[in-house]
Amino acid sequence: AAVRAALRGLQFGGDPGDPAVDTEWGEPGLTPAERVIAWNTLEVLAYRTGNPDHPINAIAPSAKATMHLRFVVGTDVSDVRQVVQRHLAAHGFADIEVGEPMVMHATRLDPDNAWVRFVLASIERSIGSAPVLLPNLGGSLPNDVFADILGLPTVWVPHSYAACSQHAPDEHLLLPVVREALQLMTGLFWDLGEPDAAALPRRGH
């Protein structure tokens, strides 16, 4: 309930040059924001079959696909490889081998956690407007090292904008974004030294 409340009213896209949001994509009954942030997605990153340099008019003897499962808290991924392998075998594809190179476990700090409220309030005081709260990231980060292994409440405060070309050769950051980031982070670090911060829990999520 807290996750849906945090995502209520959140819109993706709409700016000039943004691609149109496909309202039919993803799990039925969810908003586009819920589908991206609060639901599992399976993406095909790349696939290979045959030899494009020497194509032949025949079915290739082998093929390989690399897929990416983005999953949220509450999804049991302890045996996801075996589940997929059994599913394929049950539908006549027992000769397909499923590998699992790496798993980064999903994390989410409760949107009602005291640390979340503290950070949101600090940012609003610093920049004069309420920040947008995403209950978890839509991508993959090894945040479970902090949240699960060390047991620390974690709040990510990203500084960027939608057209930053992230991970591309021309990845960049605009000066107004940098100024705002310096302003709100200075305020946040200041507030962390105030007496109110000392009462916040140091463990648990």
N, C-alpha and C. Protein backbone atom coordinates (compact mmCIF):
# COMPACT_ATOMS: atom_id res chain seq x y z
N ALA A 1 0.83 -1.20 0.00
CA ALA A 1 0.00 0.00 0.00
C ALA A 1 0.86 1.26 0.00
N ALA A 2 1.95 1.24 0.78
CA ALA A 2 2.83 2.41 0.85
C ALA A 2 3.54 2.64 -0.47
N VAL A 3 3.87 1.56 -1.17
CA VAL A 3 4.55 1.68 -2.46
C VAL A 3 3.61 2.30 -3.49
N ARG A 4 2.39 1.81 -3.54
CA ARG A 4 1.42 2.36 -4.49
C ARG A 4 1.11 3.82 -4.18
N ALA A 5 1.04 4.14 -2.89
CA ALA A 5 0.78 5.53 -2.50
C ALA A 5 1.92 6.43 -2.96
N ALA A 6 3.16 5.94 -2.85
CA ALA A 6 4.32 6.74 -3.26
C ALA A 6 4.33 6.97 -4.77
N LEU A 7 3.81 6.02 -5.53
CA LEU A 7 3.83 6.12 -6.99
C LEU A 7 2.59 6.78 -7.56
N ARG A 8 1.60 7.03 -6.72
CA ARG A 8 0.34 7.60 -7.20
C ARG A 8 0.58 8.98 -7.82
N GLY A 9 0.13 9.14 -9.04
CA GLY A 9 0.27 10.43 -9.72
C GLY A 9 1.59 10.62 -10.43
N LEU A 10 2.52 9.68 -10.28
CA LEU A 10 3.83 9.81 -10.93
C LEU A 10 3.69 9.52 -12.42
N GLN A 11 4.19 10.43 -13.24
CA GLN A 11 4.10 10.29 -14.68
C GLN A 11 5.50 10.16 -15.28
N PHE A 12 5.62 9.30 -16.29
CA PHE A 12 6.87 9.18 -17.03
C PHE A 12 6.72 9.83 -18.40
N GLY A 13 7.76 10.50 -18.86
CA GLY A 13 7.73 11.09 -20.18
C GLY A 13 6.87 12.35 -20.23
N GLY A 14 6.46 12.68 -21.46
CA GLY A 14 5.64 13.87 -21.64
C GLY A 14 6.40 15.09 -22.08
N ASP A 15 7.72 15.05 -22.00
CA ASP A 15 8.53 16.18 -22.43
C ASP A 15 8.79 16.09 -23.94
N PRO A 16 9.12 17.23 -24.57
CA PRO A 16 9.42 17.19 -26.01
C PRO A 16 10.55 16.20 -26.33
N GLY A 17 10.31 15.36 -27.32
CA GLY A 17 11.30 14.38 -27.71
C GLY A 17 11.21 13.06 -26.98
N ASP A 18 10.39 12.99 -25.92
CA ASP A 18 10.25 11.73 -25.19
C ASP A 18 9.43 10.74 -26.00
N PRO A 19 9.77 9.45 -25.94
CA PRO A 19 8.93 8.45 -26.62
C PRO A 19 7.59 8.31 -25.92
N ALA A 20 6.59 7.93 -26.69
CA ALA A 20 5.26 7.73 -26.11
C ALA A 20 5.27 6.50 -25.21
N VAL A 21 4.58 6.58 -24.08
CA VAL A 21 4.48 5.46 -23.15
C VAL A 21 3.44 4.48 -23.67
N ASP A 22 3.82 3.22 -23.82
CA ASP A 22 2.90 2.18 -24.29
C ASP A 22 2.03 1.74 -23.12
N THR A 23 0.78 2.17 -23.12
CA THR A 23 -0.11 1.85 -22.00
C THR A 23 -0.52 0.39 -21.97
N GLU A 24 -0.26 -0.36 -23.07
CA GLU A 24 -0.62 -1.78 -23.12
C GLU A 24 0.54 -2.67 -22.69
N TRP A 25 1.73 -2.09 -22.46
CA TRP A 25 2.89 -2.90 -22.08
C TRP A 25 2.82 -3.25 -20.60
N GLY A 26 3.20 -4.49 -20.27
CA GLY A 26 3.33 -4.88 -18.86
C GLY A 26 2.09 -5.48 -18.25
N GLU A 27 2.17 -5.68 -16.96
CA GLU A 27 1.12 -6.34 -16.19
C GLU A 27 -0.18 -5.53 -16.24
N PRO A 28 -1.30 -6.18 -16.61
CA PRO A 28 -2.59 -5.47 -16.63
C PRO A 28 -2.99 -5.00 -15.23
N GLY A 29 -3.69 -3.89 -15.19
CA GLY A 29 -4.20 -3.38 -13.93
C GLY A 29 -3.25 -2.49 -13.16
N LEU A 30 -2.04 -2.27 -13.70
CA LEU A 30 -1.06 -1.41 -13.04
C LEU A 30 -0.85 -0.14 -13.86
N THR A 31 -0.46 0.92 -13.19
CA THR A 31 -0.12 2.15 -13.89
C THR A 31 1.27 1.99 -14.52
N PRO A 32 1.61 2.82 -15.51
CA PRO A 32 2.96 2.73 -16.08
C PRO A 32 4.06 2.86 -15.03
N ALA A 33 3.86 3.72 -14.04
CA ALA A 33 4.87 3.88 -12.99
C ALA A 33 5.00 2.61 -12.16
N GLU A 34 3.88 1.96 -11.84
CA GLU A 34 3.91 0.72 -11.06
C GLU A 34 4.58 -0.39 -11.85
N ARG A 35 4.37 -0.42 -13.16
CA ARG A 35 4.97 -1.47 -13.98
C ARG A 35 6.49 -1.36 -14.02
N VAL A 36 7.00 -0.13 -14.07
CA VAL A 36 8.45 0.08 -14.16
C VAL A 36 9.12 -0.05 -12.80
N ILE A 37 8.53 0.53 -11.77
CA ILE A 37 9.18 0.64 -10.47
C ILE A 37 8.81 -0.49 -9.52
N ALA A 38 7.58 -0.98 -9.58
CA ALA A 38 7.08 -1.88 -8.54
C ALA A 38 6.71 -3.26 -9.04
N TRP A 39 7.17 -3.64 -10.23
CA TRP A 39 6.80 -4.95 -10.78
C TRP A 39 8.00 -5.55 -11.49
N ASN A 40 7.97 -6.86 -11.67
CA ASN A 40 9.06 -7.55 -12.36
C ASN A 40 8.96 -7.36 -13.88
N THR A 41 10.11 -7.25 -14.53
CA THR A 41 10.14 -7.19 -15.99
C THR A 41 11.25 -8.10 -16.51
N LEU A 42 11.00 -8.71 -17.65
CA LEU A 42 11.99 -9.57 -18.30
C LEU A 42 12.32 -8.98 -19.67
N GLU A 43 13.59 -8.67 -19.88
CA GLU A 43 14.00 -8.02 -21.12
C GLU A 43 14.99 -8.90 -21.88
N VAL A 44 14.88 -8.90 -23.19
CA VAL A 44 15.86 -9.57 -24.04
C VAL A 44 16.94 -8.54 -24.38
N LEU A 45 18.14 -8.73 -23.83
CA LEU A 45 19.24 -7.80 -24.08
C LEU A 45 19.91 -8.04 -25.42
N ALA A 46 20.08 -9.30 -25.78
CA ALA A 46 20.73 -9.64 -27.04
C ALA A 46 20.46 -11.10 -27.38
N TYR A 47 20.49 -11.42 -28.66
CA TYR A 47 20.38 -12.83 -29.06
C TYR A 47 21.20 -13.06 -30.33
N ARG A 48 21.60 -14.31 -30.51
CA ARG A 48 22.42 -14.66 -31.65
C ARG A 48 21.98 -16.01 -32.19
N THR A 49 21.82 -16.08 -33.50
CA THR A 49 21.52 -17.35 -34.15
C THR A 49 22.04 -17.30 -35.58
N GLY A 50 22.58 -18.37 -36.04
CA GLY A 50 23.14 -18.38 -37.39
C GLY A 50 24.39 -17.52 -37.50
N ASN A 51 24.83 -17.31 -38.73
CA ASN A 51 26.01 -16.50 -39.02
C ASN A 51 25.63 -15.43 -40.04
N PRO A 52 25.46 -14.18 -39.59
CA PRO A 52 25.03 -13.13 -40.52
C PRO A 52 26.04 -12.86 -41.64
N ASP A 53 27.32 -13.23 -41.43
CA ASP A 53 28.32 -13.04 -42.49
C ASP A 53 28.21 -14.11 -43.58
N HIS A 54 27.66 -15.26 -43.21
CA HIS A 54 27.47 -16.35 -44.17
C HIS A 54 26.10 -16.99 -43.94
N PRO A 55 25.02 -16.27 -44.25
CA PRO A 55 23.68 -16.83 -44.01
C PRO A 55 23.38 -17.99 -44.95
N ILE A 56 22.62 -18.94 -44.41
CA ILE A 56 22.18 -20.08 -45.21
C ILE A 56 20.68 -20.24 -45.05
N ASN A 57 20.07 -20.87 -46.03
CA ASN A 57 18.62 -21.06 -46.02
C ASN A 57 18.27 -22.32 -45.24
N ALA A 58 18.57 -22.29 -43.94
CA ALA A 58 18.30 -23.45 -43.09
C ALA A 58 18.20 -22.99 -41.64
N ILE A 59 17.58 -23.82 -40.83
CA ILE A 59 17.47 -23.51 -39.40
C ILE A 59 18.84 -23.70 -38.75
N ALA A 60 19.27 -22.69 -38.03
CA ALA A 60 20.59 -22.77 -37.37
C ALA A 60 20.59 -23.86 -36.31
N PRO A 61 21.71 -24.55 -36.13
CA PRO A 61 21.76 -25.65 -35.16
C PRO A 61 21.78 -25.17 -33.71
N SER A 62 22.08 -23.89 -33.49
CA SER A 62 22.13 -23.40 -32.12
C SER A 62 21.77 -21.92 -32.08
N ALA A 63 21.39 -21.47 -30.91
CA ALA A 63 21.06 -20.06 -30.71
C ALA A 63 21.33 -19.71 -29.25
N LYS A 64 21.54 -18.43 -29.00
CA LYS A 64 21.80 -17.98 -27.64
C LYS A 64 21.09 -16.65 -27.41
N ALA A 65 20.44 -16.53 -26.27
CA ALA A 65 19.77 -15.27 -25.89
C ALA A 65 20.22 -14.88 -24.49
N THR A 66 20.50 -13.60 -24.32
CA THR A 66 20.82 -13.06 -23.00
C THR A 66 19.66 -12.20 -22.54
N MET A 67 19.11 -12.56 -21.39
CA MET A 67 17.92 -11.87 -20.89
C MET A 67 18.21 -11.29 -19.51
N HIS A 68 17.44 -10.29 -19.15
CA HIS A 68 17.64 -9.58 -17.89
C HIS A 68 16.33 -9.53 -17.13
N LEU A 69 16.30 -10.14 -15.96
CA LEU A 69 15.12 -10.11 -15.10
C LEU A 69 15.30 -9.04 -14.04
N ARG A 70 14.50 -8.00 -14.13
CA ARG A 70 14.48 -6.99 -13.08
C ARG A 70 13.34 -7.34 -12.14
N PHE A 71 13.68 -7.57 -10.89
CA PHE A 71 12.66 -8.02 -9.95
C PHE A 71 12.66 -7.13 -8.71
N VAL A 72 11.51 -7.12 -8.06
CA VAL A 72 11.34 -6.26 -6.89
C VAL A 72 11.33 -7.09 -5.62
N VAL A 73 11.36 -6.42 -4.49
CA VAL A 73 11.32 -7.08 -3.19
C VAL A 73 10.07 -7.96 -3.10
N GLY A 74 10.25 -9.16 -2.57
CA GLY A 74 9.15 -10.10 -2.45
C GLY A 74 9.18 -11.20 -3.49
N THR A 75 10.03 -11.06 -4.49
CA THR A 75 10.17 -12.08 -5.53
C THR A 75 11.22 -13.09 -5.10
N ASP A 76 10.84 -14.37 -5.08
CA ASP A 76 11.77 -15.43 -4.70
C ASP A 76 12.62 -15.80 -5.92
N VAL A 77 13.89 -15.45 -5.88
CA VAL A 77 14.77 -15.76 -7.01
C VAL A 77 15.81 -16.81 -6.63
N SER A 78 15.57 -17.52 -5.53
CA SER A 78 16.55 -18.50 -5.06
C SER A 78 16.72 -19.65 -6.05
N ASP A 79 15.67 -19.97 -6.82
CA ASP A 79 15.79 -21.05 -7.81
C ASP A 79 15.19 -20.65 -9.15
N VAL A 80 15.38 -19.39 -9.53
CA VAL A 80 14.75 -18.90 -10.76
C VAL A 80 15.27 -19.66 -11.98
N ARG A 81 16.53 -20.04 -11.99
CA ARG A 81 17.07 -20.78 -13.13
C ARG A 81 16.36 -22.11 -13.28
N GLN A 82 16.18 -22.82 -12.14
CA GLN A 82 15.51 -24.12 -12.19
C GLN A 82 14.04 -23.98 -12.59
N VAL A 83 13.40 -22.91 -12.13
CA VAL A 83 11.99 -22.69 -12.48
C VAL A 83 11.84 -22.50 -13.99
N VAL A 84 12.71 -21.68 -14.57
CA VAL A 84 12.65 -21.46 -16.02
C VAL A 84 12.99 -22.74 -16.78
N GLN A 85 13.99 -23.49 -16.29
CA GLN A 85 14.37 -24.74 -16.95
C GLN A 85 13.21 -25.73 -16.95
N ARG A 86 12.53 -25.85 -15.81
CA ARG A 86 11.38 -26.77 -15.72
C ARG A 86 10.24 -26.31 -16.62
N HIS A 87 10.01 -25.01 -16.68
CA HIS A 87 8.94 -24.47 -17.52
C HIS A 87 9.20 -24.78 -18.99
N LEU A 88 10.42 -24.59 -19.44
CA LEU A 88 10.76 -24.88 -20.83
C LEU A 88 10.62 -26.37 -21.13
N ALA A 89 11.09 -27.20 -20.21
CA ALA A 89 11.00 -28.65 -20.40
C ALA A 89 9.55 -29.11 -20.48
N ALA A 90 8.70 -28.51 -19.65
CA ALA A 90 7.29 -28.89 -19.63
C ALA A 90 6.58 -28.52 -20.93
N HIS A 91 7.16 -27.59 -21.69
CA HIS A 91 6.55 -27.17 -22.95
C HIS A 91 7.33 -27.67 -24.16
N GLY A 92 8.13 -28.72 -23.95
CA GLY A 92 8.80 -29.38 -25.07
C GLY A 92 10.14 -28.81 -25.46
N PHE A 93 10.76 -28.01 -24.59
CA PHE A 93 12.05 -27.40 -24.91
C PHE A 93 13.12 -27.82 -23.91
N ALA A 94 13.18 -29.11 -23.65
CA ALA A 94 14.12 -29.62 -22.65
C ALA A 94 15.58 -29.48 -23.10
N ASP A 95 15.81 -29.26 -24.40
CA ASP A 95 17.19 -29.16 -24.87
C ASP A 95 17.77 -27.75 -24.69
N ILE A 96 16.98 -26.83 -24.19
CA ILE A 96 17.48 -25.47 -23.94
C ILE A 96 18.15 -25.42 -22.58
N GLU A 97 19.36 -24.93 -22.54
CA GLU A 97 20.09 -24.79 -21.28
C GLU A 97 19.94 -23.37 -20.75
N VAL A 98 19.64 -23.26 -19.47
CA VAL A 98 19.45 -21.96 -18.83
C VAL A 98 20.61 -21.70 -17.88
N GLY A 99 21.27 -20.58 -18.05
CA GLY A 99 22.36 -20.19 -17.16
C GLY A 99 21.96 -18.99 -16.32
N GLU A 100 22.69 -18.77 -15.25
CA GLU A 100 22.40 -17.65 -14.35
C GLU A 100 23.74 -17.07 -13.89
N PRO A 101 24.29 -16.09 -14.61
CA PRO A 101 25.64 -15.61 -14.30
C PRO A 101 25.74 -14.80 -13.02
N MET A 102 24.72 -14.00 -12.69
CA MET A 102 24.85 -13.11 -11.54
C MET A 102 23.47 -12.69 -11.04
N VAL A 103 23.33 -12.57 -9.72
CA VAL A 103 22.09 -12.08 -9.13
C VAL A 103 22.41 -10.97 -8.14
N MET A 104 21.75 -9.83 -8.31
CA MET A 104 21.81 -8.76 -7.32
C MET A 104 20.44 -8.65 -6.68
N HIS A 105 20.36 -8.92 -5.40
CA HIS A 105 19.08 -9.01 -4.73
C HIS A 105 18.40 -7.66 -4.61
N ALA A 106 17.09 -7.67 -4.77
CA ALA A 106 16.30 -6.44 -4.70
C ALA A 106 16.21 -5.93 -3.27
N THR A 107 16.18 -4.63 -3.12
CA THR A 107 16.02 -4.01 -1.81
C THR A 107 15.00 -2.88 -1.91
N ARG A 108 14.38 -2.59 -0.80
CA ARG A 108 13.46 -1.46 -0.74
C ARG A 108 13.31 -1.03 0.71
N LEU A 109 13.59 0.22 0.99
CA LEU A 109 13.32 0.78 2.30
C LEU A 109 11.86 1.22 2.32
N ASP A 110 11.12 0.83 3.34
CA ASP A 110 9.71 1.18 3.44
C ASP A 110 9.53 2.68 3.24
N PRO A 111 8.65 3.10 2.32
CA PRO A 111 8.44 4.54 2.11
C PRO A 111 8.01 5.30 3.36
N ASP A 112 7.47 4.59 4.35
CA ASP A 112 7.07 5.23 5.60
C ASP A 112 8.18 5.21 6.65
N ASN A 113 9.36 4.69 6.30
CA ASN A 113 10.48 4.64 7.24
C ASN A 113 10.88 6.05 7.67
N ALA A 114 11.32 6.18 8.92
CA ALA A 114 11.68 7.49 9.46
C ALA A 114 12.80 8.15 8.67
N TRP A 115 13.75 7.35 8.17
CA TRP A 115 14.84 7.91 7.39
C TRP A 115 14.34 8.52 6.08
N VAL A 116 13.37 7.87 5.45
CA VAL A 116 12.81 8.39 4.20
C VAL A 116 12.17 9.75 4.46
N ARG A 117 11.35 9.82 5.51
CA ARG A 117 10.67 11.08 5.83
C ARG A 117 11.68 12.17 6.18
N PHE A 118 12.74 11.80 6.88
CA PHE A 118 13.77 12.77 7.26
C PHE A 118 14.44 13.35 6.01
N VAL A 119 14.83 12.49 5.08
CA VAL A 119 15.52 12.94 3.87
C VAL A 119 14.59 13.79 3.00
N LEU A 120 13.34 13.36 2.83
CA LEU A 120 12.39 14.13 2.03
C LEU A 120 12.19 15.52 2.61
N ALA A 121 12.03 15.59 3.93
CA ALA A 121 11.82 16.88 4.58
C ALA A 121 13.05 17.78 4.44
N SER A 122 14.23 17.20 4.57
CA SER A 122 15.47 17.97 4.44
C SER A 122 15.61 18.55 3.04
N ILE A 123 15.36 17.74 2.02
CA ILE A 123 15.47 18.20 0.64
C ILE A 123 14.47 19.31 0.35
N GLU A 124 13.24 19.14 0.84
CA GLU A 124 12.22 20.16 0.60
C GLU A 124 12.60 21.49 1.25
N ARG A 125 13.19 21.44 2.44
CA ARG A 125 13.63 22.67 3.09
C ARG A 125 14.75 23.35 2.30
N SER A 126 15.62 22.53 1.71
CA SER A 126 16.79 23.08 1.02
C SER A 126 16.45 23.70 -0.33
N ILE A 127 15.56 23.07 -1.09
CA ILE A 127 15.30 23.56 -2.45
C ILE A 127 13.92 24.20 -2.60
N GLY A 128 13.09 24.11 -1.55
CA GLY A 128 11.80 24.79 -1.59
C GLY A 128 10.71 24.08 -2.36
N SER A 129 10.92 22.83 -2.74
CA SER A 129 9.88 22.05 -3.42
C SER A 129 10.00 20.59 -3.00
N ALA A 130 8.88 19.89 -3.04
CA ALA A 130 8.85 18.50 -2.60
C ALA A 130 9.52 17.59 -3.63
N PRO A 131 10.45 16.74 -3.22
CA PRO A 131 11.08 15.81 -4.17
C PRO A 131 10.14 14.66 -4.52
N VAL A 132 10.41 14.01 -5.63
CA VAL A 132 9.67 12.81 -6.03
C VAL A 132 10.29 11.61 -5.34
N LEU A 133 9.46 10.78 -4.72
CA LEU A 133 9.94 9.58 -4.04
C LEU A 133 9.68 8.35 -4.89
N LEU A 134 10.75 7.66 -5.27
CA LEU A 134 10.63 6.35 -5.91
C LEU A 134 10.96 5.31 -4.85
N PRO A 135 10.03 4.39 -4.54
CA PRO A 135 10.26 3.44 -3.44
C PRO A 135 11.42 2.48 -3.68
N ASN A 136 11.76 2.23 -4.92
CA ASN A 136 12.95 1.43 -5.25
C ASN A 136 13.38 1.79 -6.66
N LEU A 137 14.57 1.36 -7.04
CA LEU A 137 15.09 1.67 -8.36
C LEU A 137 14.54 0.69 -9.40
N GLY A 138 14.41 1.16 -10.62
CA GLY A 138 13.97 0.29 -11.70
C GLY A 138 15.11 -0.51 -12.30
N GLY A 139 16.33 -0.21 -11.92
CA GLY A 139 17.50 -0.91 -12.42
C GLY A 139 18.12 -1.82 -11.38
N SER A 140 19.37 -2.13 -11.57
CA SER A 140 20.06 -3.07 -10.68
C SER A 140 21.27 -2.40 -10.04
N LEU A 141 21.37 -2.49 -8.75
CA LEU A 141 22.51 -2.01 -7.98
C LEU A 141 22.76 -2.99 -6.84
N PRO A 142 24.00 -3.17 -6.43
CA PRO A 142 24.29 -4.09 -5.31
C PRO A 142 23.99 -3.46 -3.95
N ASN A 143 22.82 -2.85 -3.83
CA ASN A 143 22.46 -2.19 -2.57
C ASN A 143 22.21 -3.18 -1.45
N ASP A 144 22.01 -4.46 -1.80
CA ASP A 144 21.78 -5.47 -0.76
C ASP A 144 22.99 -5.62 0.16
N VAL A 145 24.17 -5.21 -0.31
CA VAL A 145 25.36 -5.23 0.56
C VAL A 145 25.12 -4.36 1.78
N PHE A 146 24.53 -3.18 1.57
CA PHE A 146 24.26 -2.27 2.68
C PHE A 146 22.99 -2.66 3.43
N ALA A 147 21.91 -2.93 2.67
CA ALA A 147 20.60 -3.14 3.28
C ALA A 147 20.49 -4.48 4.00
N ASP A 148 20.98 -5.56 3.36
CA ASP A 148 20.78 -6.90 3.92
C ASP A 148 21.99 -7.39 4.72
N ILE A 149 23.18 -7.25 4.16
CA ILE A 149 24.37 -7.77 4.84
C ILE A 149 24.73 -6.92 6.04
N LEU A 150 24.76 -5.59 5.84
CA LEU A 150 25.11 -4.68 6.94
C LEU A 150 23.89 -4.23 7.74
N GLY A 151 22.69 -4.45 7.20
CA GLY A 151 21.48 -4.08 7.92
C GLY A 151 21.27 -2.59 8.06
N LEU A 152 21.71 -1.81 7.07
CA LEU A 152 21.62 -0.36 7.15
C LEU A 152 20.43 0.16 6.34
N PRO A 153 19.66 1.09 6.88
CA PRO A 153 18.63 1.74 6.06
C PRO A 153 19.31 2.60 4.99
N THR A 154 18.90 2.46 3.75
CA THR A 154 19.55 3.20 2.66
C THR A 154 18.53 4.04 1.90
N VAL A 155 18.90 5.27 1.63
CA VAL A 155 18.11 6.19 0.81
C VAL A 155 19.03 6.73 -0.28
N TRP A 156 18.68 6.48 -1.53
CA TRP A 156 19.48 6.98 -2.65
C TRP A 156 18.96 8.35 -3.07
N VAL A 157 19.87 9.29 -3.28
CA VAL A 157 19.51 10.64 -3.73
C VAL A 157 20.25 10.88 -5.05
N PRO A 158 19.65 10.53 -6.19
CA PRO A 158 20.34 10.68 -7.47
C PRO A 158 20.32 12.12 -7.96
N HIS A 159 21.29 12.47 -8.79
CA HIS A 159 21.39 13.81 -9.36
C HIS A 159 21.58 13.68 -10.87
N SER A 160 20.52 13.84 -11.61
CA SER A 160 20.62 13.71 -13.06
C SER A 160 19.33 14.22 -13.69
N TYR A 161 19.18 13.96 -14.98
CA TYR A 161 17.93 14.29 -15.66
C TYR A 161 17.72 13.27 -16.78
N ALA A 162 16.52 13.25 -17.34
CA ALA A 162 16.11 12.14 -18.20
C ALA A 162 16.98 11.97 -19.44
N ALA A 163 17.52 13.06 -19.98
CA ALA A 163 18.28 12.98 -21.23
C ALA A 163 19.79 13.00 -21.00
N CYS A 164 20.25 12.43 -19.88
CA CYS A 164 21.67 12.50 -19.52
C CYS A 164 22.54 11.55 -20.34
N SER A 165 21.93 10.71 -21.17
CA SER A 165 22.67 9.70 -21.96
C SER A 165 23.49 8.79 -21.06
N GLN A 166 22.86 8.32 -20.01
CA GLN A 166 23.58 7.51 -19.02
C GLN A 166 24.23 6.29 -19.66
N HIS A 167 25.52 6.06 -19.31
CA HIS A 167 26.34 4.96 -19.80
C HIS A 167 26.71 5.10 -21.28
N ALA A 168 26.34 6.19 -21.91
CA ALA A 168 26.72 6.42 -23.31
C ALA A 168 28.01 7.24 -23.36
N PRO A 169 28.66 7.30 -24.53
CA PRO A 169 29.91 8.07 -24.62
C PRO A 169 29.75 9.55 -24.25
N ASP A 170 28.54 10.10 -24.46
CA ASP A 170 28.32 11.52 -24.17
C ASP A 170 27.49 11.72 -22.90
N GLU A 171 27.63 10.81 -21.94
CA GLU A 171 26.93 10.99 -20.66
C GLU A 171 27.34 12.33 -20.05
N HIS A 172 26.37 13.06 -19.53
CA HIS A 172 26.66 14.40 -19.05
C HIS A 172 25.70 14.81 -17.94
N LEU A 173 25.98 15.94 -17.33
CA LEU A 173 25.17 16.49 -16.25
C LEU A 173 25.08 17.99 -16.44
N LEU A 174 23.88 18.54 -16.36
CA LEU A 174 23.67 19.96 -16.59
C LEU A 174 24.05 20.78 -15.35
N LEU A 175 24.54 22.00 -15.58
CA LEU A 175 24.96 22.85 -14.47
C LEU A 175 23.83 23.15 -13.48
N PRO A 176 22.59 23.43 -13.94
CA PRO A 176 21.52 23.65 -12.96
C PRO A 176 21.28 22.43 -12.07
N VAL A 177 21.44 21.22 -12.63
CA VAL A 177 21.28 20.01 -11.83
C VAL A 177 22.39 19.91 -10.79
N VAL A 178 23.62 20.28 -11.20
CA VAL A 178 24.75 20.25 -10.27
C VAL A 178 24.54 21.24 -9.13
N ARG A 179 24.08 22.44 -9.46
CA ARG A 179 23.85 23.45 -8.42
C ARG A 179 22.81 22.98 -7.42
N GLU A 180 21.71 22.43 -7.95
CA GLU A 180 20.66 21.95 -7.06
C GLU A 180 21.16 20.79 -6.21
N ALA A 181 21.96 19.90 -6.82
CA ALA A 181 22.51 18.76 -6.08
C ALA A 181 23.40 19.24 -4.93
N LEU A 182 24.26 20.21 -5.20
CA LEU A 182 25.13 20.75 -4.15
C LEU A 182 24.30 21.39 -3.04
N GLN A 183 23.25 22.08 -3.43
CA GLN A 183 22.39 22.75 -2.45
C GLN A 183 21.69 21.75 -1.55
N LEU A 184 21.05 20.76 -2.15
CA LEU A 184 20.26 19.83 -1.34
C LEU A 184 21.14 18.88 -0.53
N MET A 185 22.29 18.49 -1.08
CA MET A 185 23.17 17.59 -0.32
C MET A 185 23.86 18.33 0.82
N THR A 186 24.21 19.60 0.61
CA THR A 186 24.76 20.39 1.71
C THR A 186 23.75 20.50 2.83
N GLY A 187 22.48 20.74 2.46
CA GLY A 187 21.43 20.80 3.46
C GLY A 187 21.22 19.48 4.17
N LEU A 188 21.29 18.39 3.42
CA LEU A 188 21.08 17.07 4.02
C LEU A 188 22.20 16.73 5.00
N PHE A 189 23.45 16.96 4.60
CA PHE A 189 24.56 16.68 5.51
C PHE A 189 24.51 17.59 6.75
N TRP A 190 24.05 18.82 6.57
CA TRP A 190 23.88 19.71 7.72
C TRP A 190 22.83 19.13 8.68
N ASP A 191 21.69 18.72 8.10
CA ASP A 191 20.60 18.19 8.93
C ASP A 191 21.00 16.91 9.64
N LEU A 192 21.89 16.12 9.03
CA LEU A 192 22.35 14.90 9.69
C LEU A 192 23.13 15.19 10.96
N GLY A 193 23.65 16.40 11.09
CA GLY A 193 24.36 16.78 12.30
C GLY A 193 23.49 17.41 13.36
N GLU A 194 22.21 17.56 13.06
CA GLU A 194 21.27 18.15 14.01
C GLU A 194 20.79 17.10 15.01
N PRO A 195 20.30 17.53 16.20
CA PRO A 195 19.86 16.57 17.23
C PRO A 195 18.76 15.62 16.75
N ASP A 196 17.86 16.08 15.86
CA ASP A 196 16.76 15.22 15.40
C ASP A 196 17.29 13.96 14.72
N ALA A 197 18.41 14.07 14.02
CA ALA A 197 18.95 12.92 13.30
C ALA A 197 19.49 11.86 14.24
N ALA A 198 19.93 12.26 15.41
CA ALA A 198 20.51 11.30 16.36
C ALA A 198 19.48 10.29 16.85
N ALA A 199 18.19 10.65 16.78
CA ALA A 199 17.14 9.76 17.27
C ALA A 199 16.70 8.74 16.23
N LEU A 200 17.16 8.87 14.99
CA LEU A 200 16.74 7.95 13.94
C LEU A 200 17.41 6.59 14.11
N PRO A 201 16.70 5.50 13.72
CA PRO A 201 17.27 4.15 13.88
C PRO A 201 18.50 3.95 13.01
N ARG A 202 19.50 3.27 13.54
CA ARG A 202 20.74 3.02 12.81
C ARG A 202 20.76 1.65 12.13
N ARG A 203 19.81 0.82 12.42
CA ARG A 203 19.76 -0.52 11.85
C ARG A 203 18.33 -0.81 11.40
N GLY A 204 18.23 -1.79 10.51
CA GLY A 204 16.92 -2.28 10.08
C GLY A 204 16.43 -1.57 8.84
N HIS A 205 15.51 -2.25 8.12
CA HIS A 205 14.95 -1.68 6.91
C HIS A 205 13.53 -2.20 6.69
